[in-house]
């Protein structure tokens, strides 16, 4: 249940936790897909696994600040 709480903004975590209580584990898979979709362009430009991991650690995009956009 704490999979995304260390990385995502608190207001988004609250909404995702609410969704988790309603939909159970499906929401964890959907969150992962949403993160990959938001970072798709940057991930395709990465040349190695190290740069992919560094890209996935950065959550400064505006989509992560706006609950509805996510």
N, C-alpha and C. Protein backbone atom coordinates (compact mmCIF):
# COMPACT_ATOMS: atom_id res chain seq x y z
N UNK A 1 0.82 -1.20 0.00
CA UNK A 1 0.00 0.00 0.00
C UNK A 1 0.86 1.26 0.00
N UNK A 2 2.12 1.14 0.31
CA UNK A 2 2.97 2.33 0.35
C UNK A 2 3.87 2.40 -0.88
N UNK A 3 3.50 1.73 -1.95
CA UNK A 3 4.34 1.63 -3.12
C UNK A 3 4.67 2.99 -3.74
N UNK A 4 3.70 3.88 -3.86
CA UNK A 4 3.91 5.17 -4.51
C UNK A 4 3.94 6.35 -3.54
N UNK A 5 3.79 6.11 -2.26
CA UNK A 5 3.70 7.22 -1.31
C UNK A 5 5.00 7.98 -1.12
N UNK A 6 6.12 7.37 -1.37
CA UNK A 6 7.41 8.05 -1.20
C UNK A 6 7.74 8.97 -2.35
N UNK A 7 7.11 8.79 -3.49
CA UNK A 7 7.53 9.51 -4.68
C UNK A 7 6.51 10.52 -5.19
N UNK A 8 5.24 10.25 -5.03
CA UNK A 8 4.20 11.12 -5.57
C UNK A 8 3.82 12.19 -4.56
N UNK A 9 3.29 13.33 -5.03
CA UNK A 9 2.84 14.39 -4.10
C UNK A 9 1.71 13.88 -3.20
N UNK A 10 1.64 14.45 -2.00
CA UNK A 10 0.70 13.97 -0.99
C UNK A 10 -0.75 14.04 -1.45
N UNK A 11 -1.15 15.13 -2.10
CA UNK A 11 -2.55 15.25 -2.52
C UNK A 11 -2.91 14.17 -3.53
N UNK A 12 -1.98 13.75 -4.35
CA UNK A 12 -2.22 12.67 -5.30
C UNK A 12 -2.27 11.32 -4.59
N UNK A 13 -1.41 11.14 -3.61
CA UNK A 13 -1.39 9.89 -2.85
C UNK A 13 -2.72 9.68 -2.12
N UNK A 14 -3.29 10.74 -1.60
CA UNK A 14 -4.57 10.62 -0.89
C UNK A 14 -5.66 10.13 -1.84
N UNK A 15 -5.71 10.70 -3.04
CA UNK A 15 -6.72 10.25 -4.01
C UNK A 15 -6.46 8.82 -4.47
N UNK A 16 -5.20 8.47 -4.66
CA UNK A 16 -4.88 7.12 -5.09
C UNK A 16 -5.18 6.10 -4.00
N UNK A 17 -4.95 6.46 -2.75
CA UNK A 17 -5.27 5.56 -1.65
C UNK A 17 -6.78 5.34 -1.55
N UNK A 18 -7.53 6.39 -1.80
CA UNK A 18 -8.99 6.27 -1.83
C UNK A 18 -9.42 5.32 -2.95
N UNK A 19 -8.79 5.45 -4.10
CA UNK A 19 -9.09 4.55 -5.21
C UNK A 19 -8.68 3.12 -4.89
N UNK A 20 -7.57 2.97 -4.16
CA UNK A 20 -7.11 1.65 -3.77
C UNK A 20 -8.13 0.96 -2.87
N UNK A 21 -8.72 1.71 -1.96
CA UNK A 21 -9.73 1.12 -1.08
C UNK A 21 -10.97 0.68 -1.85
N UNK A 22 -11.25 1.35 -2.94
CA UNK A 22 -12.44 1.02 -3.73
C UNK A 22 -12.15 -0.08 -4.75
N UNK A 23 -11.02 0.00 -5.45
CA UNK A 23 -10.74 -0.91 -6.56
C UNK A 23 -9.74 -2.01 -6.24
N UNK A 24 -9.16 -1.97 -5.09
CA UNK A 24 -8.14 -2.94 -4.66
C UNK A 24 -6.89 -2.84 -5.53
N UNK A 25 -6.30 -3.95 -5.92
CA UNK A 25 -4.97 -3.95 -6.53
C UNK A 25 -4.95 -3.52 -8.00
N UNK A 26 -6.10 -3.39 -8.65
CA UNK A 26 -6.11 -2.91 -10.03
C UNK A 26 -5.53 -1.52 -10.14
N UNK A 27 -5.73 -0.70 -9.12
CA UNK A 27 -5.27 0.69 -9.17
C UNK A 27 -3.74 0.77 -9.14
N UNK A 28 -3.07 -0.16 -8.50
CA UNK A 28 -1.60 -0.15 -8.48
C UNK A 28 -1.05 -0.34 -9.89
N UNK A 29 -1.62 -1.26 -10.64
CA UNK A 29 -1.23 -1.47 -12.03
C UNK A 29 -1.53 -0.23 -12.87
N UNK A 30 -2.68 0.37 -12.67
CA UNK A 30 -3.06 1.56 -13.43
C UNK A 30 -2.16 2.75 -13.13
N UNK A 31 -1.74 2.90 -11.90
CA UNK A 31 -0.82 3.99 -11.54
C UNK A 31 0.51 3.80 -12.28
N UNK A 32 1.02 2.58 -12.29
CA UNK A 32 2.26 2.30 -13.00
C UNK A 32 2.14 2.62 -14.48
N UNK A 33 1.03 2.24 -15.10
CA UNK A 33 0.82 2.55 -16.51
C UNK A 33 0.72 4.04 -16.75
N UNK A 34 0.07 4.75 -15.84
CA UNK A 34 -0.06 6.20 -15.99
C UNK A 34 1.31 6.88 -15.90
N UNK A 35 2.15 6.44 -14.99
CA UNK A 35 3.49 7.01 -14.85
C UNK A 35 4.29 6.77 -16.13
N UNK A 36 4.22 5.56 -16.66
CA UNK A 36 4.95 5.26 -17.90
C UNK A 36 4.40 6.07 -19.06
N UNK A 37 3.09 6.25 -19.13
CA UNK A 37 2.49 7.04 -20.21
C UNK A 37 2.91 8.51 -20.12
N UNK A 38 2.95 9.06 -18.92
CA UNK A 38 3.35 10.46 -18.75
C UNK A 38 4.82 10.65 -19.15
N UNK A 39 5.65 9.68 -18.83
CA UNK A 39 7.09 9.79 -19.10
C UNK A 39 7.51 9.11 -20.40
N UNK A 40 6.57 8.76 -21.24
CA UNK A 40 6.84 7.98 -22.45
C UNK A 40 7.90 8.62 -23.35
N UNK A 41 7.77 9.90 -23.64
CA UNK A 41 8.73 10.56 -24.54
C UNK A 41 10.14 10.54 -23.98
N UNK A 42 10.26 10.82 -22.69
CA UNK A 42 11.58 10.83 -22.06
C UNK A 42 12.17 9.43 -21.98
N UNK A 43 11.32 8.43 -21.71
CA UNK A 43 11.82 7.05 -21.62
C UNK A 43 12.31 6.54 -22.97
N UNK A 44 11.66 6.93 -24.05
CA UNK A 44 12.08 6.49 -25.37
C UNK A 44 13.42 7.11 -25.79
N UNK A 45 13.79 8.23 -25.18
CA UNK A 45 15.06 8.88 -25.49
C UNK A 45 16.22 8.31 -24.69
N UNK A 46 15.93 7.54 -23.67
CA UNK A 46 16.97 6.98 -22.82
C UNK A 46 17.73 5.88 -23.56
N UNK A 47 19.04 5.83 -23.33
CA UNK A 47 19.91 4.88 -24.02
C UNK A 47 20.30 3.68 -23.15
N UNK A 48 20.22 3.82 -21.84
CA UNK A 48 20.61 2.71 -20.97
C UNK A 48 19.63 2.57 -19.82
N UNK A 49 19.75 1.46 -19.14
CA UNK A 49 18.86 1.20 -18.01
C UNK A 49 19.08 2.21 -16.88
N UNK A 50 20.30 2.67 -16.71
CA UNK A 50 20.59 3.66 -15.68
C UNK A 50 19.84 4.97 -15.93
N UNK A 51 19.82 5.41 -17.18
CA UNK A 51 19.11 6.66 -17.49
C UNK A 51 17.60 6.47 -17.39
N UNK A 52 17.12 5.27 -17.68
CA UNK A 52 15.69 4.99 -17.52
C UNK A 52 15.30 5.09 -16.05
N UNK A 53 16.10 4.50 -15.19
CA UNK A 53 15.80 4.55 -13.75
C UNK A 53 15.87 5.97 -13.21
N UNK A 54 16.84 6.75 -13.68
CA UNK A 54 16.93 8.15 -13.25
C UNK A 54 15.72 8.94 -13.74
N UNK A 55 15.26 8.65 -14.93
CA UNK A 55 14.09 9.32 -15.48
C UNK A 55 12.84 8.97 -14.66
N UNK A 56 12.71 7.72 -14.27
CA UNK A 56 11.54 7.30 -13.51
C UNK A 56 11.54 7.82 -12.07
N UNK A 57 12.70 8.22 -11.56
CA UNK A 57 12.76 8.75 -10.20
C UNK A 57 12.32 10.21 -10.12
N UNK A 58 12.31 10.91 -11.25
CA UNK A 58 11.99 12.34 -11.26
C UNK A 58 10.49 12.54 -11.45
N UNK A 59 9.84 13.15 -10.48
CA UNK A 59 8.40 13.37 -10.54
C UNK A 59 8.09 14.87 -10.51
N UNK A 60 8.79 15.66 -11.31
CA UNK A 60 8.58 17.11 -11.34
C UNK A 60 7.65 17.57 -12.45
N UNK A 61 7.14 16.65 -13.26
CA UNK A 61 6.24 17.04 -14.34
C UNK A 61 4.96 17.63 -13.77
N UNK A 62 4.34 18.55 -14.49
CA UNK A 62 3.09 19.17 -14.00
C UNK A 62 1.95 18.16 -13.84
N UNK A 63 2.00 17.06 -14.57
CA UNK A 63 0.93 16.05 -14.46
C UNK A 63 0.90 15.43 -13.07
N UNK A 64 2.04 15.42 -12.38
CA UNK A 64 2.08 14.84 -11.05
C UNK A 64 1.63 15.85 -9.98
N UNK A 65 1.55 17.11 -10.33
CA UNK A 65 1.12 18.13 -9.38
C UNK A 65 -0.40 18.32 -9.43
N UNK A 66 -1.01 17.98 -10.57
CA UNK A 66 -2.46 18.15 -10.74
C UNK A 66 -3.14 16.79 -10.64
N UNK A 67 -4.00 16.63 -9.66
CA UNK A 67 -4.66 15.35 -9.43
C UNK A 67 -5.51 14.92 -10.63
N UNK A 68 -6.25 15.86 -11.18
CA UNK A 68 -7.16 15.52 -12.26
C UNK A 68 -6.42 15.15 -13.55
N UNK A 69 -5.29 15.79 -13.81
CA UNK A 69 -4.53 15.47 -15.01
C UNK A 69 -3.93 14.07 -14.91
N UNK A 70 -3.56 13.67 -13.72
CA UNK A 70 -2.99 12.34 -13.54
C UNK A 70 -4.07 11.30 -13.74
